[in-house]
C-alpha cells in the first residue's frame, strides 16, 4: 500500500468518525425538550438542532471525498467543531438539568428506625 493510499484511507476513516459523532449529537440535541435548553442556560433547541443538523449534513457530504480532500476536509472540520462544542459544552449541561424516565428523585429512606 502506498503512502498516498494510506493517507486517503486515514482521511476516510476520520470522515466516517466525524459523521457518526455528528449523527449521535443530532439525536442527543433532538432528544431533550426545549425547556431543558432554557434550564441549562443555553441557546434554544431550534438553534442547536439547526447547528448540529447542519454539521451532520456537512459531515455526510464529506463521506465520499466528493469535494476532494482539501475543501471536503474543510467541511469536515467545521462539522466536527460544531459537534464537539455541542457534546462538550451543551450536552453535559442538558444532562445535569433534565432527567428522563418515570419521575424525578426517588426516595431511598424507608421511614425512621
C-alpha atoms as a PDB file:
ATOM      1  CA  UNK A   1       0.000   0.000   0.000  1.00  0.00           C
ATOM      2  CA  UNK A   2       1.424   3.339  -0.998  1.00  0.00           C
ATOM      3  CA  UNK A   3       1.699   6.308   1.318  1.00  0.00           C
ATOM      4  CA  UNK A   4      -0.942   8.277  -0.626  1.00  0.00           C
ATOM      5  CA  UNK A   5      -3.409   5.384  -0.426  1.00  0.00           C
ATOM      6  CA  UNK A   6      -2.784   5.071   3.309  1.00  0.00           C
ATOM      7  CA  UNK A   7      -3.328   8.799   3.731  1.00  0.00           C
ATOM      8  CA  UNK A   8      -6.600   8.583   1.809  1.00  0.00           C
ATOM      9  CA  UNK A   9      -7.752   5.651   3.924  1.00  0.00           C
ATOM     10  CA  UNK A  10      -6.982   7.528   7.148  1.00  0.00           C
ATOM     11  CA  UNK A  11      -8.901  10.584   5.940  1.00  0.00           C
ATOM     12  CA  UNK A  12     -11.911   8.448   5.039  1.00  0.00           C
ATOM     13  CA  UNK A  13     -11.859   6.819   8.488  1.00  0.00           C
ATOM     14  CA  UNK A  14     -11.725  10.267  10.104  1.00  0.00           C
ATOM     15  CA  UNK A  15     -14.622  11.470   7.917  1.00  0.00           C
ATOM     16  CA  UNK A  16     -16.716   8.446   8.933  1.00  0.00           C
ATOM     17  CA  UNK A  17     -15.932   9.048  12.613  1.00  0.00           C
ATOM     18  CA  UNK A  18     -16.967  12.696  12.289  1.00  0.00           C
ATOM     19  CA  UNK A  19     -20.222  11.667  10.603  1.00  0.00           C
ATOM     20  CA  UNK A  20     -21.032   9.117  13.327  1.00  0.00           C
ATOM     21  CA  UNK A  21     -20.318  11.695  16.049  1.00  0.00           C
ATOM     22  CA  UNK A  22     -22.484  14.287  14.268  1.00  0.00           C
ATOM     23  CA  UNK A  23     -25.406  11.855  13.965  1.00  0.00           C
ATOM     24  CA  UNK A  24     -25.081  10.996  17.662  1.00  0.00           C
ATOM     25  CA  UNK A  25     -25.009  14.709  18.568  1.00  0.00           C
ATOM     26  CA  UNK A  26     -28.083  15.352  16.406  1.00  0.00           C
ATOM     27  CA  UNK A  27     -30.010  12.565  18.130  1.00  0.00           C
ATOM     28  CA  UNK A  28     -28.961  13.967  21.510  1.00  0.00           C
ATOM     29  CA  UNK A  29     -29.941  17.512  20.504  1.00  0.00           C
ATOM     30  CA  UNK A  30     -33.397  16.390  19.418  1.00  0.00           C
ATOM     31  CA  UNK A  31     -33.901  14.153  22.444  1.00  0.00           C
ATOM     32  CA  UNK A  32     -34.170  16.915  25.023  1.00  0.00           C
ATOM     33  CA  UNK A  33     -37.270  19.138  25.299  1.00  0.00           C
ATOM     34  CA  UNK A  34     -36.993  22.887  24.653  1.00  0.00           C
ATOM     35  CA  UNK A  35     -37.365  23.610  28.372  1.00  0.00           C
ATOM     36  CA  UNK A  36     -34.147  21.706  29.119  1.00  0.00           C
ATOM     37  CA  UNK A  37     -32.158  24.155  26.983  1.00  0.00           C
ATOM     38  CA  UNK A  38     -33.630  27.128  28.850  1.00  0.00           C
ATOM     39  CA  UNK A  39     -32.967  25.478  32.221  1.00  0.00           C
ATOM     40  CA  UNK A  40     -29.371  24.779  31.186  1.00  0.00           C
ATOM     41  CA  UNK A  41     -28.848  28.426  30.245  1.00  0.00           C
ATOM     42  CA  UNK A  42     -28.066  27.584  26.611  1.00  0.00           C
ATOM     43  CA  UNK A  43     -29.473  28.748  23.285  1.00  0.00           C
ATOM     44  CA  UNK A  44     -32.776  27.282  22.091  1.00  0.00           C
ATOM     45  CA  UNK A  45     -33.417  23.748  20.921  1.00  0.00           C
ATOM     46  CA  UNK A  46     -34.124  25.101  17.429  1.00  0.00           C
ATOM     47  CA  UNK A  47     -30.739  26.825  17.335  1.00  0.00           C
ATOM     48  CA  UNK A  48     -28.777  23.752  18.428  1.00  0.00           C
ATOM     49  CA  UNK A  49     -30.873  21.468  16.242  1.00  0.00           C
ATOM     50  CA  UNK A  50     -30.040  23.627  13.238  1.00  0.00           C
ATOM     51  CA  UNK A  51     -26.337  23.852  14.106  1.00  0.00           C
ATOM     52  CA  UNK A  52     -25.907  20.142  14.732  1.00  0.00           C
ATOM     53  CA  UNK A  53     -28.213  19.251  11.815  1.00  0.00           C
ATOM     54  CA  UNK A  54     -26.089  21.398   9.505  1.00  0.00           C
ATOM     55  CA  UNK A  55     -22.967  19.762  10.898  1.00  0.00           C
ATOM     56  CA  UNK A  56     -24.462  16.345  10.159  1.00  0.00           C
ATOM     57  CA  UNK A  57     -25.199  17.353   6.565  1.00  0.00           C
ATOM     58  CA  UNK A  58     -21.666  18.696   6.124  1.00  0.00           C
ATOM     59  CA  UNK A  59     -20.222  15.528   7.619  1.00  0.00           C
ATOM     60  CA  UNK A  60     -22.354  13.437   5.283  1.00  0.00           C
ATOM     61  CA  UNK A  61     -21.113  15.400   2.276  1.00  0.00           C
ATOM     62  CA  UNK A  62     -17.519  14.613   3.204  1.00  0.00           C
ATOM     63  CA  UNK A  63     -18.062  10.850   3.472  1.00  0.00           C
ATOM     64  CA  UNK A  64     -17.094  10.027  -0.066  1.00  0.00           C
ATOM     65  CA  UNK A  65     -14.463  12.632  -0.744  1.00  0.00           C
ATOM     66  CA  UNK A  66     -16.682  14.273  -3.358  1.00  0.00           C
ATOM     67  CA  UNK A  67     -15.072  17.682  -2.936  1.00  0.00           C
ATOM     68  CA  UNK A  68     -11.587  16.269  -2.744  1.00  0.00           C
ATOM     69  CA  UNK A  69      -9.599  16.171   0.444  1.00  0.00           C
ATOM     70  CA  UNK A  70      -8.999  19.932   0.545  1.00  0.00           C
ATOM     71  CA  UNK A  71     -12.451  21.531   0.502  1.00  0.00           C
ATOM     72  CA  UNK A  72     -14.135  18.371   1.799  1.00  0.00           C
ATOM     73  CA  UNK A  73     -11.926  18.284   4.831  1.00  0.00           C
ATOM     74  CA  UNK A  74     -12.661  21.952   5.466  1.00  0.00           C
ATOM     75  CA  UNK A  75     -16.349  20.974   5.696  1.00  0.00           C
ATOM     76  CA  UNK A  76     -15.451  18.046   7.960  1.00  0.00           C
ATOM     77  CA  UNK A  77     -13.528  20.379  10.260  1.00  0.00           C
ATOM     78  CA  UNK A  78     -16.494  22.750  10.503  1.00  0.00           C
ATOM     79  CA  UNK A  79     -18.809  19.817  11.207  1.00  0.00           C
ATOM     80  CA  UNK A  80     -16.517  18.430  13.868  1.00  0.00           C
ATOM     81  CA  UNK A  81     -16.190  21.834  15.553  1.00  0.00           C
ATOM     82  CA  UNK A  82     -19.963  22.224  15.876  1.00  0.00           C
ATOM     83  CA  UNK A  83     -20.318  18.640  17.066  1.00  0.00           C
ATOM     84  CA  UNK A  84     -17.554  18.951  19.648  1.00  0.00           C
ATOM     85  CA  UNK A  85     -18.972  22.214  21.026  1.00  0.00           C
ATOM     86  CA  UNK A  86     -22.384  20.600  21.470  1.00  0.00           C
ATOM     87  CA  UNK A  87     -21.010  17.406  23.006  1.00  0.00           C
ATOM     88  CA  UNK A  88     -18.551  19.109  25.386  1.00  0.00           C
ATOM     89  CA  UNK A  89     -20.465  22.225  26.416  1.00  0.00           C
ATOM     90  CA  UNK A  90     -24.211  21.864  25.814  1.00  0.00           C
ATOM     91  CA  UNK A  91     -24.919  18.165  26.334  1.00  0.00           C
ATOM     92  CA  UNK A  92     -23.418  17.910  29.841  1.00  0.00           C
ATOM     93  CA  UNK A  93     -25.491  20.900  30.973  1.00  0.00           C
ATOM     94  CA  UNK A  94     -28.627  19.354  29.485  1.00  0.00           C
ATOM     95  CA  UNK A  95     -27.918  16.084  31.274  1.00  0.00           C
ATOM     96  CA  UNK A  96     -27.484  17.934  34.587  1.00  0.00           C
ATOM     97  CA  UNK A  97     -30.793  19.753  34.304  1.00  0.00           C
ATOM     98  CA  UNK A  98     -33.042  17.124  32.763  1.00  0.00           C
ATOM     99  CA  UNK A  99     -33.754  13.547  33.731  1.00  0.00           C
ATOM    100  CA  UNK A 100     -35.525  11.013  31.527  1.00  0.00           C
ATOM    101  CA  UNK A 101     -37.712   8.309  32.916  1.00  0.00           C
ATOM    102  CA  UNK A 102     -40.615   7.982  35.304  1.00  0.00           C
ATOM    103  CA  UNK A 103     -40.337  10.641  37.929  1.00  0.00           C
ATOM    104  CA  UNK A 104     -37.500  12.576  39.403  1.00  0.00           C
ATOM    105  CA  UNK A 105     -35.615  11.737  42.546  1.00  0.00           C
ATOM    106  CA  UNK A 106     -36.513   8.512  44.243  1.00  0.00           C
ATOM    107  CA  UNK A 107     -36.758   8.199  47.974  1.00  0.00           C
ATOM    108  CA  UNK A 108     -34.271   5.812  49.412  1.00  0.00           C
ATOM    109  CA  UNK A 109     -35.220   6.189  53.056  1.00  0.00           C
ATOM    110  CA  UNK A 110     -37.753   3.644  54.253  1.00  0.00           C
ATOM    111  CA  UNK A 111     -39.001   5.620  57.181  1.00  0.00           C
ATOM    112  CA  UNK A 112     -37.444   6.094  60.571  1.00  0.00           C
ATOM    113  CA  UNK A 113     -35.847   3.368  62.555  1.00  0.00           C
END
